[in-house]
PDB file of N, CA and C in Angstrom:
ATOM      1  N   MET A   1      67.137  54.065  41.760  1.00  0.00           N
ATOM      2  CA  MET A   1      68.482  53.480  41.833  1.00  0.00           C
ATOM      3  C   MET A   1      69.366  54.015  43.003  1.00  0.00           C
ATOM      4  N   SER A   2      70.118  53.204  43.696  1.00  0.00           N
ATOM      5  CA  SER A   2      70.956  53.577  44.910  1.00  0.00           C
ATOM      6  C   SER A   2      72.282  54.480  44.332  1.00  0.00           C
ATOM      7  N   ASP A   3      72.657  55.244  45.369  1.00  0.00           N
ATOM      8  CA  ASP A   3      73.729  56.083  44.898  1.00  0.00           C
ATOM      9  C   ASP A   3      74.943  55.149  45.141  1.00  0.00           C
ATOM     10  N   PHE A   4      75.140  54.283  45.921  1.00  0.00           N
ATOM     11  CA  PHE A   4      76.098  53.333  46.488  1.00  0.00           C
ATOM     12  C   PHE A   4      75.804  51.946  46.133  1.00  0.00           C
ATOM     13  N   ILE A   5      76.707  51.010  45.731  1.00  0.00           N
ATOM     14  CA  ILE A   5      76.575  49.572  45.722  1.00  0.00           C
ATOM     15  C   ILE A   5      77.708  49.038  46.582  1.00  0.00           C
ATOM     16  N   ILE A   6      77.512  48.405  47.547  1.00  0.00           N
ATOM     17  CA  ILE A   6      78.539  47.594  48.346  1.00  0.00           C
ATOM     18  C   ILE A   6      78.399  46.029  47.947  1.00  0.00           C
ATOM     19  N   TYR A   7      79.622  45.547  47.386  1.00  0.00           N
ATOM     20  CA  TYR A   7      79.810  44.082  47.335  1.00  0.00           C
ATOM     21  C   TYR A   7      80.084  43.516  48.651  1.00  0.00           C
ATOM     22  N   HIS A   8      79.215  42.938  49.367  1.00  0.00           N
ATOM     23  CA  HIS A   8      79.180  42.744  50.708  1.00  0.00           C
ATOM     24  C   HIS A   8      79.334  41.297  51.126  1.00  0.00           C
ATOM     25  N   ASN A   9      80.135  40.909  52.213  1.00  0.00           N
ATOM     26  CA  ASN A   9      80.133  39.755  52.767  1.00  0.00           C
ATOM     27  C   ASN A   9      79.907  39.865  54.282  1.00  0.00           C
ATOM     28  N   PRO A  10      78.494  39.525  54.701  1.00  0.00           N
ATOM     29  CA  PRO A  10      78.346  39.896  56.292  1.00  0.00           C
ATOM     30  C   PRO A  10      79.116  39.128  57.117  1.00  0.00           C
ATOM     31  N   ARG A  11      79.903  38.075  56.723  1.00  0.00           N
ATOM     32  CA  ARG A  11      80.733  37.380  57.637  1.00  0.00           C
ATOM     33  C   ARG A  11      82.145  37.928  57.927  1.00  0.00           C
ATOM     34  N   CYS A  12      82.381  39.040  57.041  1.00  0.00           N
ATOM     35  CA  CYS A  12      83.588  39.731  57.304  1.00  0.00           C
ATOM     36  C   CYS A  12      83.494  40.917  57.762  1.00  0.00           C
ATOM     37  N   SER A  13      84.510  41.205  58.964  1.00  0.00           N
ATOM     38  CA  SER A  13      84.483  42.361  59.792  1.00  0.00           C
ATOM     39  C   SER A  13      84.567  43.590  58.972  1.00  0.00           C
ATOM     40  N   LYS A  14      85.437  43.608  58.055  1.00  0.00           N
ATOM     41  CA  LYS A  14      85.883  44.751  57.282  1.00  0.00           C
ATOM     42  C   LYS A  14      84.668  45.327  56.483  1.00  0.00           C
ATOM     43  N   SER A  15      84.035  44.180  55.924  1.00  0.00           N
ATOM     44  CA  SER A  15      82.794  44.450  55.266  1.00  0.00           C
ATOM     45  C   SER A  15      81.560  44.992  55.953  1.00  0.00           C
ATOM     46  N   ARG A  16      81.440  44.436  57.163  1.00  0.00           N
ATOM     47  CA  ARG A  16      80.527  45.016  58.099  1.00  0.00           C
ATOM     48  C   ARG A  16      80.808  46.487  58.564  1.00  0.00           C
ATOM     49  N   GLN A  17      82.157  46.790  58.807  1.00  0.00           N
ATOM     50  CA  GLN A  17      82.518  48.076  59.333  1.00  0.00           C
ATOM     51  C   GLN A  17      82.254  48.946  58.024  1.00  0.00           C
ATOM     52  N   THR A  18      82.675  48.681  56.762  1.00  0.00           N
ATOM     53  CA  THR A  18      82.526  49.512  55.643  1.00  0.00           C
ATOM     54  C   THR A  18      80.922  50.024  55.607  1.00  0.00           C
ATOM     55  N   LEU A  19      80.212  48.887  55.693  1.00  0.00           N
ATOM     56  CA  LEU A  19      78.660  49.081  55.578  1.00  0.00           C
ATOM     57  C   LEU A  19      78.123  50.131  56.742  1.00  0.00           C
ATOM     58  N   GLU A  20      78.857  49.896  57.888  1.00  0.00           N
ATOM     59  CA  GLU A  20      78.544  50.791  59.003  1.00  0.00           C
ATOM     60  C   GLU A  20      78.685  52.194  58.859  1.00  0.00           C
ATOM     61  N   ILE A  21      79.830  52.392  58.116  1.00  0.00           N
ATOM     62  CA  ILE A  21      80.193  53.875  57.717  1.00  0.00           C
ATOM     63  C   ILE A  21      79.335  54.448  56.737  1.00  0.00           C
ATOM     64  N   LEU A  22      78.970  53.546  55.744  1.00  0.00           N
ATOM     65  CA  LEU A  22      78.002  54.087  54.729  1.00  0.00           C
ATOM     66  C   LEU A  22      76.640  54.553  55.374  1.00  0.00           C
ATOM     67  N   ASN A  23      76.127  53.463  56.202  1.00  0.00           N
ATOM     68  CA  ASN A  23      74.914  53.716  56.980  1.00  0.00           C
ATOM     69  C   ASN A  23      75.120  55.072  57.890  1.00  0.00           C
ATOM     70  N   ASP A  24      76.146  55.339  58.613  1.00  0.00           N
ATOM     71  CA  ASP A  24      76.266  56.346  59.301  1.00  0.00           C
ATOM     72  C   ASP A  24      76.173  57.685  58.703  1.00  0.00           C
ATOM     73  N   HIS A  25      76.461  57.627  57.208  1.00  0.00           N
ATOM     74  CA  HIS A  25      76.569  58.828  56.503  1.00  0.00           C
ATOM     75  C   HIS A  25      75.205  58.903  55.714  1.00  0.00           C
ATOM     76  N   ASP A  26      74.376  58.038  56.127  1.00  0.00           N
ATOM     77  CA  ASP A  26      72.764  58.228  55.660  1.00  0.00           C
ATOM     78  C   ASP A  26      72.861  58.180  54.105  1.00  0.00           C
ATOM     79  N   VAL A  27      73.621  57.460  53.401  1.00  0.00           N
ATOM     80  CA  VAL A  27      73.419  57.380  51.869  1.00  0.00           C
ATOM     81  C   VAL A  27      72.596  56.271  51.644  1.00  0.00           C
ATOM     82  N   ASP A  28      72.047  56.395  50.365  1.00  0.00           N
ATOM     83  CA  ASP A  28      71.248  55.200  49.704  1.00  0.00           C
ATOM     84  C   ASP A  28      72.093  53.981  49.129  1.00  0.00           C
ATOM     85  N   ILE A  29      72.110  52.858  49.721  1.00  0.00           N
ATOM     86  CA  ILE A  29      72.907  51.771  49.615  1.00  0.00           C
ATOM     87  C   ILE A  29      72.140  50.464  48.875  1.00  0.00           C
ATOM     88  N   GLU A  30      72.742  50.029  47.764  1.00  0.00           N
ATOM     89  CA  GLU A  30      72.392  48.787  47.426  1.00  0.00           C
ATOM     90  C   GLU A  30      73.237  47.719  47.819  1.00  0.00           C
ATOM     91  N   ILE A  31      72.821  46.683  48.583  1.00  0.00           N
ATOM     92  CA  ILE A  31      73.879  45.678  49.253  1.00  0.00           C
ATOM     93  C   ILE A  31      73.665  44.512  48.390  1.00  0.00           C
ATOM     94  N   VAL A  32      74.878  44.173  47.817  1.00  0.00           N
ATOM     95  CA  VAL A  32      74.952  42.889  46.906  1.00  0.00           C
ATOM     96  C   VAL A  32      75.706  41.902  47.779  1.00  0.00           C
ATOM     97  N   LEU A  33      75.107  40.861  47.948  1.00  0.00           N
ATOM     98  CA  LEU A  33      75.836  39.769  48.666  1.00  0.00           C
ATOM     99  C   LEU A  33      76.345  38.922  47.775  1.00  0.00           C
ATOM    100  N   TYR A  34      77.744  39.275  47.271  1.00  0.00           N
ATOM    101  CA  TYR A  34      78.244  38.735  46.052  1.00  0.00           C
ATOM    102  C   TYR A  34      78.629  37.190  46.117  1.00  0.00           C
ATOM    103  N   LEU A  35      78.710  36.692  47.268  1.00  0.00           N
ATOM    104  CA  LEU A  35      78.917  35.286  47.359  1.00  0.00           C
ATOM    105  C   LEU A  35      77.545  34.475  46.851  1.00  0.00           C
ATOM    106  N   GLU A  36      76.487  35.188  47.153  1.00  0.00           N
ATOM    107  CA  GLU A  36      75.122  34.259  46.669  1.00  0.00           C
ATOM    108  C   GLU A  36      74.782  34.993  45.344  1.00  0.00           C
ATOM    109  N   ASN A  37      75.199  36.214  44.889  1.00  0.00           N
ATOM    110  CA  ASN A  37      74.939  36.689  43.586  1.00  0.00           C
ATOM    111  C   ASN A  37      76.224  37.241  42.988  1.00  0.00           C
ATOM    112  N   PRO A  38      76.850  36.408  42.507  1.00  0.00           N
ATOM    113  CA  PRO A  38      78.263  36.689  41.977  1.00  0.00           C
ATOM    114  C   PRO A  38      78.167  37.792  40.665  1.00  0.00           C
ATOM    115  N   PRO A  39      79.039  38.802  40.762  1.00  0.00           N
ATOM    116  CA  PRO A  39      79.011  39.658  39.825  1.00  0.00           C
ATOM    117  C   PRO A  39      79.400  38.930  38.446  1.00  0.00           C
ATOM    118  N   SER A  40      78.851  39.562  37.305  1.00  0.00           N
ATOM    119  CA  SER A  40      79.234  38.885  35.959  1.00  0.00           C
ATOM    120  C   SER A  40      80.660  39.368  35.738  1.00  0.00           C
ATOM    121  N   GLU A  41      81.165  38.688  34.548  1.00  0.00           N
ATOM    122  CA  GLU A  41      82.637  39.066  34.168  1.00  0.00           C
ATOM    123  C   GLU A  41      82.427  40.563  33.663  1.00  0.00           C
ATOM    124  N   ASP A  42      81.449  41.157  33.026  1.00  0.00           N
ATOM    125  CA  ASP A  42      81.251  42.310  32.680  1.00  0.00           C
ATOM    126  C   ASP A  42      81.187  43.348  33.832  1.00  0.00           C
ATOM    127  N   GLU A  43      80.512  42.954  34.963  1.00  0.00           N
ATOM    128  CA  GLU A  43      80.548  43.798  36.124  1.00  0.00           C
ATOM    129  C   GLU A  43      81.974  43.866  36.752  1.00  0.00           C
ATOM    130  N   ILE A  44      82.553  42.692  36.753  1.00  0.00           N
ATOM    131  CA  ILE A  44      83.940  42.693  37.468  1.00  0.00           C
ATOM    132  C   ILE A  44      84.809  43.682  36.545  1.00  0.00           C
ATOM    133  N   ALA A  45      84.773  43.557  35.279  1.00  0.00           N
ATOM    134  CA  ALA A  45      85.598  44.399  34.496  1.00  0.00           C
ATOM    135  C   ALA A  45      85.422  45.898  34.714  1.00  0.00           C
ATOM    136  N   SER A  46      84.165  46.249  34.684  1.00  0.00           N
ATOM    137  CA  SER A  46      83.566  47.648  35.023  1.00  0.00           C
ATOM    138  C   SER A  46      84.290  48.160  36.442  1.00  0.00           C
ATOM    139  N   ILE A  47      83.963  47.210  37.387  1.00  0.00           N
ATOM    140  CA  ILE A  47      84.646  47.526  38.867  1.00  0.00           C
ATOM    141  C   ILE A  47      86.056  47.795  38.749  1.00  0.00           C
ATOM    142  N   LEU A  48      86.786  46.968  37.902  1.00  0.00           N
ATOM    143  CA  LEU A  48      88.009  47.164  37.843  1.00  0.00           C
ATOM    144  C   LEU A  48      88.571  48.553  37.290  1.00  0.00           C
ATOM    145  N   ILE A  49      87.844  48.897  36.231  1.00  0.00           N
ATOM    146  CA  ILE A  49      88.108  50.196  35.685  1.00  0.00           C
ATOM    147  C   ILE A  49      87.901  51.345  36.683  1.00  0.00           C
ATOM    148  N   LYS A  50      86.684  51.256  37.392  1.00  0.00           N
ATOM    149  CA  LYS A  50      86.347  52.198  38.360  1.00  0.00           C
ATOM    150  C   LYS A  50      87.235  52.180  39.509  1.00  0.00           C
ATOM    151  N   LEU A  51      88.014  51.102  39.775  1.00  0.00           N
ATOM    152  CA  LEU A  51      88.931  50.997  40.890  1.00  0.00           C
ATOM    153  C   LEU A  51      90.343  51.583  40.296  1.00  0.00           C
ATOM    154  N   GLY A  52      90.616  51.321  39.077  1.00  0.00           N
ATOM    155  CA  GLY A  52      91.786  51.737  38.669  1.00  0.00           C
ATOM    156  C   GLY A  52      92.862  50.730  38.762  1.00  0.00           C
ATOM    157  N   LEU A  53      92.395  49.404  38.889  1.00  0.00           N
ATOM    158  CA  LEU A  53      93.278  48.403  39.067  1.00  0.00           C
ATOM    159  C   LEU A  53      93.013  47.146  38.127  1.00  0.00           C
ATOM    160  N   ASN A  54      93.802  46.161  38.287  1.00  0.00           N
ATOM    161  CA  ASN A  54      93.781  45.117  37.350  1.00  0.00           C
ATOM    162  C   ASN A  54      93.290  43.839  38.337  1.00  0.00           C
ATOM    163  N   SER A  55      92.899  42.800  37.588  1.00  0.00           N
ATOM    164  CA  SER A  55      92.400  41.546  38.352  1.00  0.00           C
ATOM    165  C   SER A  55      93.249  41.073  39.427  1.00  0.00           C
ATOM    166  N   ARG A  56      94.632  40.998  39.282  1.00  0.00           N
ATOM    167  CA  ARG A  56      95.452  40.583  40.206  1.00  0.00           C
ATOM    168  C   ARG A  56      95.656  41.448  41.438  1.00  0.00           C
ATOM    169  N   ASP A  57      95.211  42.706  41.306  1.00  0.00           N
ATOM    170  CA  ASP A  57      95.096  43.543  42.478  1.00  0.00           C
ATOM    171  C   ASP A  57      93.940  43.311  43.394  1.00  0.00           C
ATOM    172  N   ILE A  58      92.856  42.696  42.941  1.00  0.00           N
ATOM    173  CA  ILE A  58      91.811  42.378  43.802  1.00  0.00           C
ATOM    174  C   ILE A  58      91.376  40.873  44.048  1.00  0.00           C
ATOM    175  N   ILE A  59      92.426  40.253  43.620  1.00  0.00           N
ATOM    176  CA  ILE A  59      92.157  38.649  43.980  1.00  0.00           C
ATOM    177  C   ILE A  59      92.792  38.238  45.164  1.00  0.00           C
ATOM    178  N   ARG A  60      91.949  37.460  45.952  1.00  0.00           N
ATOM    179  CA  ARG A  60      92.340  36.955  47.272  1.00  0.00           C
ATOM    180  C   ARG A  60      93.308  35.666  47.026  1.00  0.00           C
ATOM    181  N   LYS A  61      94.542  36.097  47.195  1.00  0.00           N
ATOM    182  CA  LYS A  61      95.498  35.015  47.020  1.00  0.00           C
ATOM    183  C   LYS A  61      95.531  33.953  48.110  1.00  0.00           C
ATOM    184  N   GLY A  62      95.043  34.164  49.266  1.00  0.00           N
ATOM    185  CA  GLY A  62      94.993  33.151  50.433  1.00  0.00           C
ATOM    186  C   GLY A  62      93.903  32.289  50.304  1.00  0.00           C
ATOM    187  N   GLU A  63      92.987  32.558  49.335  1.00  0.00           N
ATOM    188  CA  GLU A  63      91.896  31.373  49.154  1.00  0.00           C
ATOM    189  C   GLU A  63      92.316  30.106  48.667  1.00  0.00           C
ATOM    190  N   ASP A  64      91.668  29.024  49.127  1.00  0.00           N
ATOM    191  CA  ASP A  64      92.013  27.716  48.601  1.00  0.00           C
ATOM    192  C   ASP A  64      91.929  27.638  47.090  1.00  0.00           C
ATOM    193  N   GLU A  65      90.798  28.232  46.579  1.00  0.00           N
ATOM    194  CA  GLU A  65      90.469  28.416  45.055  1.00  0.00           C
ATOM    195  C   GLU A  65      91.727  28.888  44.442  1.00  0.00           C
ATOM    196  N   TYR A  66      92.364  29.771  44.773  1.00  0.00           N
ATOM    197  CA  TYR A  66      93.523  30.524  44.275  1.00  0.00           C
ATOM    198  C   TYR A  66      94.510  29.347  43.969  1.00  0.00           C
ATOM    199  N   LYS A  67      94.844  28.606  45.058  1.00  0.00           N
ATOM    200  CA  LYS A  67      95.872  27.594  44.859  1.00  0.00           C
ATOM    201  C   LYS A  67      95.414  26.357  44.021  1.00  0.00           C
ATOM    202  N   LEU A  68      94.134  26.056  44.307  1.00  0.00           N
ATOM    203  CA  LEU A  68      93.694  24.945  43.556  1.00  0.00           C
ATOM    204  C   LEU A  68      93.474  25.224  41.904  1.00  0.00           C
ATOM    205  N   LEU A  69      93.347  26.446  41.782  1.00  0.00           N
ATOM    206  CA  LEU A  69      93.116  26.654  40.270  1.00  0.00           C
ATOM    207  C   LEU A  69      94.564  27.264  39.718  1.00  0.00           C
ATOM    208  N   ASP A  70      95.630  27.224  40.480  1.00  0.00           N
ATOM    209  CA  ASP A  70      96.760  27.671  40.116  1.00  0.00           C
ATOM    210  C   ASP A  70      96.713  29.155  39.382  1.00  0.00           C
ATOM    211  N   LEU A  71      95.937  30.077  40.196  1.00  0.00           N
ATOM    212  CA  LEU A  71      96.014  31.267  39.576  1.00  0.00           C
ATOM    213  C   LEU A  71      97.268  32.114  39.758  1.00  0.00           C
ATOM    214  N   LYS A  72      98.213  31.553  40.359  1.00  0.00           N
ATOM    215  CA  LYS A  72      99.618  32.464  40.413  1.00  0.00           C
ATOM    216  C   LYS A  72     100.225  32.529  39.027  1.00  0.00           C
ATOM    217  N   ASP A  73      99.770  31.578  38.202  1.00  0.00           N
ATOM    218  CA  ASP A  73     100.311  31.499  36.782  1.00  0.00           C
ATOM    219  C   ASP A  73     100.226  32.716  36.055  1.00  0.00           C
ATOM    220  N   GLN A  74     101.364  33.240  35.918  1.00  0.00           N
ATOM    221  CA  GLN A  74     101.615  34.605  35.185  1.00  0.00           C
ATOM    222  C   GLN A  74     101.030  34.597  33.725  1.00  0.00           C
ATOM    223  N   ASN A  75     100.976  33.362  33.133  1.00  0.00           N
ATOM    224  CA  ASN A  75     100.450  33.427  31.798  1.00  0.00           C
ATOM    225  C   ASN A  75      98.857  33.562  31.659  1.00  0.00           C
ATOM    226  N   LEU A  76      98.157  33.474  32.755  1.00  0.00           N
ATOM    227  CA  LEU A  76      96.697  33.820  32.657  1.00  0.00           C
ATOM    228  C   LEU A  76      96.511  35.210  32.181  1.00  0.00           C
ATOM    229  N   THR A  77      95.475  35.375  31.389  1.00  0.00           N
ATOM    230  CA  THR A  77      95.053  36.827  31.058  1.00  0.00           C
ATOM    231  C   THR A  77      94.126  37.511  31.925  1.00  0.00           C
ATOM    232  N   GLU A  78      94.025  38.699  31.807  1.00  0.00           N
ATOM    233  CA  GLU A  78      93.178  39.498  32.622  1.00  0.00           C
ATOM    234  C   GLU A  78      91.721  38.832  32.430  1.00  0.00           C
ATOM    235  N   ASN A  79      91.264  38.576  31.242  1.00  0.00           N
ATOM    236  CA  ASN A  79      89.945  38.082  30.859  1.00  0.00           C
ATOM    237  C   ASN A  79      89.646  36.656  31.603  1.00  0.00           C
ATOM    238  N   GLU A  80      90.816  35.878  31.690  1.00  0.00           N
ATOM    239  CA  GLU A  80      90.803  34.480  32.315  1.00  0.00           C
ATOM    240  C   GLU A  80      90.764  34.773  33.788  1.00  0.00           C
ATOM    241  N   LEU A  81      91.348  35.660  34.437  1.00  0.00           N
ATOM    242  CA  LEU A  81      91.147  35.799  35.813  1.00  0.00           C
ATOM    243  C   LEU A  81      89.929  36.439  36.184  1.00  0.00           C
ATOM    244  N   ILE A  82      89.399  37.214  35.378  1.00  0.00           N
ATOM    245  CA  ILE A  82      88.018  37.802  35.692  1.00  0.00           C
ATOM    246  C   ILE A  82      86.927  36.536  35.657  1.00  0.00           C
ATOM    247  N   THR A  83      87.058  35.774  34.733  1.00  0.00           N
ATOM    248  CA  THR A  83      86.221  34.694  34.547  1.00  0.00           C
ATOM    249  C   THR A  83      86.318  33.829  35.796  1.00  0.00           C
ATOM    250  N   PHE A  84      87.611  33.477  36.338  1.00  0.00           N
ATOM    251  CA  PHE A  84      87.603  32.711  37.521  1.00  0.00           C
ATOM    252  C   PHE A  84      87.073  33.426  38.747  1.00  0.00           C
ATOM    253  N   MET A  85      87.240  34.784  38.833  1.00  0.00           N
ATOM    254  CA  MET A  85      86.611  35.544  39.987  1.00  0.00           C
ATOM    255  C   MET A  85      85.111  35.510  39.908  1.00  0.00           C
ATOM    256  N   SER A  86      84.506  35.548  38.611  1.00  0.00           N
ATOM    257  CA  SER A  86      82.996  35.609  38.481  1.00  0.00           C
ATOM    258  C   SER A  86      82.501  34.168  38.865  1.00  0.00           C
ATOM    259  N   LYS A  87      83.262  33.035  38.557  1.00  0.00           N
ATOM    260  CA  LYS A  87      82.803  31.750  38.810  1.00  0.00           C
ATOM    261  C   LYS A  87      83.093  31.259  40.367  1.00  0.00           C
ATOM    262  N   ASN A  88      84.036  31.993  40.956  1.00  0.00           N
ATOM    263  CA  ASN A  88      84.432  31.836  42.277  1.00  0.00           C
ATOM    264  C   ASN A  88      84.540  33.012  43.170  1.00  0.00           C
ATOM    265  N   PRO A  89      83.310  33.654  43.437  1.00  0.00           N
ATOM    266  CA  PRO A  89      83.449  34.837  44.060  1.00  0.00           C
ATOM    267  C   PRO A  89      84.116  35.104  45.357  1.00  0.00           C
ATOM    268  N   LYS A  90      84.441  33.928  45.900  1.00  0.00           N
ATOM    269  CA  LYS A  90      85.322  34.177  47.126  1.00  0.00           C
ATOM    270  C   LYS A  90      86.745  34.744  46.866  1.00  0.00           C
ATOM    271  N   LEU A  91      87.011  34.660  45.710  1.00  0.00           N
ATOM    272  CA  LEU A  91      88.295  35.121  45.063  1.00  0.00           C
ATOM    273  C   LEU A  91      88.449  36.672  45.120  1.00  0.00           C
ATOM    274  N   ILE A  92      87.308  37.318  45.159  1.00  0.00           N
ATOM    275  CA  ILE A  92      87.148  38.737  45.095  1.00  0.00           C
ATOM    276  C   ILE A  92      87.347  39.538  46.417  1.00  0.00           C
ATOM    277  N   GLU A  93      88.293  40.394  46.471  1.00  0.00           N
ATOM    278  CA  GLU A  93      88.722  41.291  47.555  1.00  0.00           C
ATOM    279  C   GLU A  93      87.302  41.949  48.079  1.00  0.00           C
ATOM    280  N   ARG A  94      87.166  41.979  49.398  1.00  0.00           N
ATOM    281  CA  ARG A  94      85.984  42.599  49.800  1.00  0.00           C
ATOM    282  C   ARG A  94      86.380  43.657  51.006  1.00  0.00           C
ATOM    283  N   PRO A  95      85.488  44.462  51.347  1.00  0.00           N
ATOM    284  CA  PRO A  95      84.171  44.709  50.370  1.00  0.00           C
ATOM    285  C   PRO A  95      84.584  45.864  49.293  1.00  0.00           C
ATOM    286  N   ILE A  96      83.866  45.885  48.377  1.00  0.00           N
ATOM    287  CA  ILE A  96      84.126  46.868  47.233  1.00  0.00           C
ATOM    288  C   ILE A  96      82.968  47.752  47.217  1.00  0.00           C
ATOM    289  N   VAL A  97      83.002  49.112  47.084  1.00  0.00           N
ATOM    290  CA  VAL A  97      82.056  50.156  47.161  1.00  0.00           C
ATOM    291  C   VAL A  97      82.199  50.916  45.928  1.00  0.00           C
ATOM    292  N   VAL A  98      80.970  50.996  45.102  1.00  0.00           N
ATOM    293  CA  VAL A  98      80.976  51.661  43.917  1.00  0.00           C
ATOM    294  C   VAL A  98      79.998  52.860  44.056  1.00  0.00           C
ATOM    295  N   LYS A  99      80.425  53.989  43.470  1.00  0.00           N
ATOM    296  CA  LYS A  99      79.549  55.198  43.443  1.00  0.00           C
ATOM    297  C   LYS A  99      79.775  55.876  42.020  1.00  0.00           C
ATOM    298  N   ALA A 100      78.844  55.649  41.239  1.00  0.00           N
ATOM    299  CA  ALA A 100      78.867  56.273  39.866  1.00  0.00           C
ATOM    300  C   ALA A 100      80.131  55.615  39.090  1.00  0.00           C
ATOM    301  N   ASP A 101      81.124  56.543  38.713  1.00  0.00           N
ATOM    302  CA  ASP A 101      82.303  55.897  38.073  1.00  0.00           C
ATOM    303  C   ASP A 101      83.548  55.789  38.920  1.00  0.00           C
ATOM    304  N   LYS A 102      83.442  55.838  40.228  1.00  0.00           N
ATOM    305  CA  LYS A 102      84.052  55.479  41.203  1.00  0.00           C
ATOM    306  C   LYS A 102      84.069  54.352  42.015  1.00  0.00           C
ATOM    307  N   ALA A 103      85.164  53.657  42.492  1.00  0.00           N
ATOM    308  CA  ALA A 103      84.935  52.466  43.354  1.00  0.00           C
ATOM    309  C   ALA A 103      86.207  52.492  44.350  1.00  0.00           C
ATOM    310  N   VAL A 104      85.804  51.789  45.515  1.00  0.00           N
ATOM    311  CA  VAL A 104      86.984  51.787  46.442  1.00  0.00           C
ATOM    312  C   VAL A 104      86.854  50.364  47.173  1.00  0.00           C
ATOM    313  N   ILE A 105      88.034  49.679  47.505  1.00  0.00           N
ATOM    314  CA  ILE A 105      87.998  48.681  48.414  1.00  0.00           C
ATOM    315  C   ILE A 105      88.122  49.109  49.896  1.00  0.00           C
ATOM    316  N   GLY A 106      87.208  48.616  50.728  1.00  0.00           N
ATOM    317  CA  GLY A 106      87.044  48.928  51.907  1.00  0.00           C
ATOM    318  C   GLY A 106      87.984  48.237  52.946  1.00  0.00           C
ATOM    319  N   ARG A 107      89.285  48.333  52.587  1.00  0.00           N
ATOM    320  CA  ARG A 107      90.472  47.808  53.290  1.00  0.00           C
ATOM    321  C   ARG A 107      91.401  48.814  53.388  1.00  0.00           C
ATOM    322  N   PRO A 108      91.446  49.708  54.538  1.00  0.00           N
ATOM    323  CA  PRO A 108      90.640  49.701  55.655  1.00  0.00           C
ATOM    324  C   PRO A 108      89.228  50.459  55.345  1.00  0.00           C
ATOM    325  N   PRO A 109      88.199  50.051  56.160  1.00  0.00           N
ATOM    326  CA  PRO A 109      86.848  50.497  55.861  1.00  0.00           C
ATOM    327  C   PRO A 109      86.883  52.056  55.531  1.00  0.00           C
ATOM    328  N   GLU A 110      87.661  52.860  56.254  1.00  0.00           N
ATOM    329  CA  GLU A 110      87.847  54.250  56.030  1.00  0.00           C
ATOM    330  C   GLU A 110      87.977  54.685  54.706  1.00  0.00           C
ATOM    331  N   ASN A 111      88.423  53.830  53.834  1.00  0.00           N
ATOM    332  CA  ASN A 111      88.732  54.264  52.374  1.00  0.00           C
ATOM    333  C   ASN A 111      87.279  54.629  51.802  1.00  0.00           C
ATOM    334  N   VAL A 112      86.185  54.196  52.242  1.00  0.00           N
ATOM    335  CA  VAL A 112      85.039  54.706  51.562  1.00  0.00           C
ATOM    336  C   VAL A 112      84.573  55.980  51.637  1.00  0.00           C
ATOM    337  N   LEU A 113      85.242  56.680  52.745  1.00  0.00           N
ATOM    338  CA  LEU A 113      85.224  58.093  52.953  1.00  0.00           C
ATOM    339  C   LEU A 113      85.371  58.865  51.834  1.00  0.00           C
ATOM    340  N   SER A 114      86.450  58.391  50.996  1.00  0.00           N
ATOM    341  CA  SER A 114      86.983  59.145  49.874  1.00  0.00           C
ATOM    342  C   SER A 114      85.858  59.329  48.801  1.00  0.00           C
ATOM    343  N   ILE A 115      84.946  58.428  48.694  1.00  0.00           N
ATOM    344  CA  ILE A 115      83.794  58.596  47.644  1.00  0.00           C
ATOM    345  C   ILE A 115      82.558  58.885  48.321  1.00  0.00           C
ATOM    346  N   ILE A 116      82.415  59.245  49.409  1.00  0.00           N
ATOM    347  CA  ILE A 116      81.017  59.667  50.143  1.00  0.00           C
ATOM    348  C   ILE A 116      80.903  61.084  49.783  1.00  0.00           C
ATOM    349  N   LYS A 117      81.937  61.939  49.666  1.00  0.00           N
ATOM    350  CA  LYS A 117      81.851  63.272  49.571  1.00  0.00           C
ATOM    351  C   LYS A 117      80.861  63.742  48.361  1.00  0.00           C
TER     352      LYS A 117
END
């Protein structure tokens, strides 16, 4: 099993830069192309705990899906938002790097240095 998991979008420059930092530190990485293999609702919930954030903190508000699904509605529950993210992975902020019980968002990419140690 890999030490690190990166939820990666190769078309995203921040995601590519974060992956490059991980590769430069010669760590064992599992690359999850999350747009092709979306994380389950349980995986997203687990990632949120590791990030210490809630779903609204990692949802991409600029995506068309955010507007089409009216996700700004403050009455939506955490579980409902997680379901939307699992079914519409473009809504998930990227990249996310997980190591054991910790995770960071690679924005900026240097954030990943905090969990490489």
